[in-house]
Amino acid sequence: MDANKGFILPILGLGVGIHEFDYGIDSAFFQEFEEPYVDKGDVKVHLHFDKRPEMLVLNFDIQGHVGAACDRCLRDFPLPIDGQYRLLVKYGTGGEETEEDIAYIPKGSPELDIRKFIYEFICLSVPMRKVPEESEAGCSVCGEEGFKYLDRLQPEEEAEEKTNPIWDELKKLNDN
């Protein structure tokens, strides 16, 4: 059986009304995409699918975690994600440009592949700042070891300003 078959909704075979689907997303799902932004995780997706005669309304509820690198120490950790997204799928000629929350499919399309939409919504659920949910003072992943390393990289402050003997000689010329 094709693993991707579950992500293809048979829209012609479904009656008008509300349908619900649940998906378990793992690391194998992310490997299908070229140069994935997210490459591993364990995410549950609940799809509330409302088929209407003129359009499809898809509500995605995404919860789980994805693999991320800590912005402080670059160590991998499971980053929790949570998001709700709505997508309208309208019928058209197929040449329309997909908008932010509206996609177009040709009228009479027998099925709808939702893999791309799920992937995009998972990526949108990843916050800009990726640090474990700890206090600002400490990171459970970094620990004290990471902060000690950062302290070593900072240059030591010089107690005295060094003088250059060439400049000292040039300053004497101004005195004359």
Protein backbone atom coordinates (compact mmCIF):
# COMPACT_ATOMS: atom_id res chain seq x y z
CA MET A 1 0.00 0.00 0.00
CA ASP A 2 1.22 3.50 -0.84
CA ALA A 3 2.06 5.45 2.34
CA ASN A 4 0.96 8.69 0.68
CA LYS A 5 -2.48 7.35 -0.22
CA GLY A 6 -3.93 8.57 3.09
CA PHE A 7 -2.99 12.17 2.26
CA ILE A 8 -5.04 12.13 -0.94
CA LEU A 9 -8.66 12.98 -0.27
CA PRO A 10 -11.15 11.45 -2.74
CA ILE A 11 -13.29 14.59 -3.05
CA LEU A 12 -15.58 13.15 -5.73
CA GLY A 13 -16.29 10.13 -3.54
CA LEU A 14 -17.14 12.15 -0.44
CA GLY A 15 -20.62 13.50 0.09
CA VAL A 16 -21.41 17.12 0.85
CA GLY A 17 -20.96 17.77 4.54
CA ILE A 18 -18.39 17.47 7.28
CA HIS A 19 -15.71 14.78 7.34
CA GLU A 20 -12.93 14.30 9.88
CA PHE A 21 -9.47 12.80 9.32
CA ASP A 22 -6.52 12.19 11.65
CA TYR A 23 -2.90 11.91 10.54
CA GLY A 24 0.28 10.92 12.33
CA ILE A 25 3.31 12.69 10.88
CA ASP A 26 6.78 11.30 11.50
CA SER A 27 10.28 11.87 10.12
CA ALA A 28 9.58 9.79 6.99
CA PHE A 29 6.93 12.34 5.95
CA PHE A 30 9.45 15.21 5.96
CA GLN A 31 11.97 13.29 3.86
CA GLU A 32 9.60 13.46 0.86
CA PHE A 33 10.29 17.19 0.51
CA GLU A 34 13.38 18.56 -1.18
CA GLU A 35 15.59 20.43 1.31
CA PRO A 36 13.02 20.38 4.11
CA TYR A 37 12.87 23.23 6.63
CA VAL A 38 11.69 20.64 9.15
CA ASP A 39 13.28 17.22 8.78
CA LYS A 40 12.08 15.27 11.81
CA GLY A 41 9.28 15.25 14.29
CA ASP A 42 6.21 13.61 15.72
CA VAL A 43 3.09 15.61 14.86
CA LYS A 44 -0.61 14.83 15.07
CA VAL A 45 -2.86 16.53 12.53
CA HIS A 46 -6.64 16.60 12.84
CA LEU A 47 -8.43 17.69 9.67
CA HIS A 48 -11.97 19.02 9.83
CA PHE A 49 -13.04 18.82 6.17
CA ASP A 50 -16.23 20.60 5.10
CA LYS A 51 -17.22 19.75 1.55
CA ARG A 52 -19.56 22.30 0.03
CA PRO A 53 -20.92 22.40 -3.52
CA GLU A 54 -18.92 25.52 -4.44
CA MET A 55 -15.76 25.01 -2.34
CA LEU A 56 -13.92 22.94 0.26
CA VAL A 57 -13.14 24.27 3.73
CA LEU A 58 -10.21 22.57 5.47
CA ASN A 59 -9.42 23.29 9.11
CA PHE A 60 -6.13 21.83 10.31
CA ASP A 61 -5.33 21.37 14.02
CA ILE A 62 -1.61 20.64 14.42
CA GLN A 63 0.03 19.49 17.68
CA GLY A 64 3.28 17.74 18.47
CA HIS A 65 6.97 18.44 18.27
CA VAL A 66 9.62 18.83 15.59
CA GLY A 67 13.39 18.57 15.76
CA ALA A 68 15.09 21.93 16.10
CA ALA A 69 18.49 23.33 17.00
CA CYS A 70 18.65 25.57 20.05
CA ASP A 71 19.39 29.16 19.03
CA ARG A 72 21.78 29.44 21.98
CA CYS A 73 23.90 26.29 21.80
CA LEU A 74 22.86 24.64 18.48
CA ARG A 75 22.04 21.33 20.18
CA ASP A 76 19.03 19.42 18.88
CA PHE A 77 15.91 19.27 21.02
CA PRO A 78 12.22 18.48 20.48
CA LEU A 79 10.43 21.80 19.88
CA PRO A 80 6.72 21.76 20.73
CA ILE A 81 4.41 23.14 18.04
CA ASP A 82 0.72 23.93 18.09
CA GLY A 83 -1.40 25.66 15.48
CA GLN A 84 -4.78 25.93 13.86
CA TYR A 85 -5.05 26.83 10.18
CA ARG A 86 -7.89 27.27 7.72
CA LEU A 87 -7.62 26.70 3.98
CA LEU A 88 -10.32 27.35 1.41
CA VAL A 89 -10.12 25.31 -1.77
CA LYS A 90 -12.15 26.80 -4.59
CA TYR A 91 -12.94 25.40 -8.00
CA GLY A 92 -11.51 27.22 -10.99
CA THR A 93 -9.82 26.62 -14.30
CA GLY A 94 -6.64 25.47 -12.57
CA GLY A 95 -4.58 28.42 -13.75
CA GLU A 96 -5.32 30.69 -10.78
CA GLU A 97 -2.52 31.61 -8.47
CA THR A 98 -2.77 30.14 -4.96
CA GLU A 99 -3.29 32.88 -2.37
CA GLU A 100 -2.38 32.96 1.31
CA ASP A 101 -5.36 30.96 2.52
CA ILE A 102 -7.11 30.08 -0.75
CA ALA A 103 -6.07 27.36 -3.18
CA TYR A 104 -7.68 26.61 -6.53
CA ILE A 105 -8.23 23.26 -8.20
CA PRO A 106 -9.85 22.48 -11.55
CA LYS A 107 -13.59 21.86 -11.39
CA GLY A 108 -14.28 18.13 -11.37
CA SER A 109 -10.94 17.17 -9.78
CA PRO A 110 -11.40 13.67 -8.38
CA GLU A 111 -8.94 14.08 -5.48
CA LEU A 112 -6.96 16.56 -3.44
CA ASP A 113 -3.42 15.91 -2.19
CA ILE A 114 -3.01 17.67 1.16
CA ARG A 115 0.63 16.71 1.92
CA LYS A 116 1.97 20.08 0.78
CA PHE A 117 -0.57 21.97 2.90
CA ILE A 118 0.19 19.91 6.02
CA TYR A 119 3.93 20.45 5.52
CA GLU A 120 3.50 24.21 5.07
CA PHE A 121 1.31 24.51 8.16
CA ILE A 122 3.82 22.53 10.25
CA CYS A 123 6.57 24.89 9.06
CA LEU A 124 4.40 27.90 9.93
CA SER A 125 3.94 26.48 13.43
CA VAL A 126 7.69 26.61 14.12
CA PRO A 127 8.44 29.79 16.11
CA MET A 128 11.14 32.23 15.01
CA ARG A 129 12.98 31.86 18.32
CA LYS A 130 13.89 28.24 18.99
CA VAL A 131 14.90 27.65 22.59
CA PRO A 132 13.61 25.10 25.07
CA GLU A 133 10.75 26.29 27.24
CA GLU A 134 12.84 27.27 30.25
CA SER A 135 13.44 30.49 32.08
CA GLU A 136 15.49 33.18 30.37
CA ALA A 137 18.31 32.59 32.85
CA GLY A 138 19.01 29.03 31.79
CA CYS A 139 18.47 26.53 29.04
CA SER A 140 18.12 22.88 30.01
CA VAL A 141 19.76 21.83 26.75
CA CYS A 142 22.65 24.31 26.92
CA GLY A 143 23.24 24.06 30.63
CA GLU A 144 26.09 25.90 32.27
CA GLU A 145 28.58 24.32 29.86
CA GLY A 146 27.26 26.33 26.92
CA PHE A 147 27.45 29.63 28.76
CA LYS A 148 31.00 28.90 29.96
CA TYR A 149 32.01 28.30 26.34
CA LEU A 150 30.48 31.62 25.26
CA ASP A 151 32.29 33.44 28.08
CA ARG A 152 35.63 32.03 26.82
CA LEU A 153 35.00 33.44 23.35
CA GLN A 154 34.64 37.02 24.57
CA PRO A 155 37.88 39.02 24.36
CA GLU A 156 39.54 39.97 27.60
CA GLU A 157 39.37 43.65 28.42
CA GLU A 158 42.73 45.35 28.31
CA ALA A 159 43.63 47.22 31.47
CA GLU A 160 45.90 49.70 29.76
CA GLU A 161 45.76 51.25 26.36
CA LYS A 162 48.88 50.29 24.46
CA THR A 163 50.82 53.09 22.83
CA ASN A 164 52.50 52.92 19.48
CA PRO A 165 56.09 54.31 19.46
CA ILE A 166 55.71 55.62 15.91
CA TRP A 167 52.76 57.78 16.93
CA ASP A 168 54.70 59.04 19.92
CA GLU A 169 57.47 60.27 17.60
CA LEU A 170 54.96 61.88 15.23
CA LYS A 171 53.34 63.75 18.14
CA LYS A 172 56.74 65.30 18.92
CA LEU A 173 56.77 66.86 15.43
CA ASN A 174 53.57 68.77 16.24
CA ASP A 175 55.20 70.25 19.35
CA ASN A 176 57.85 72.01 17.20
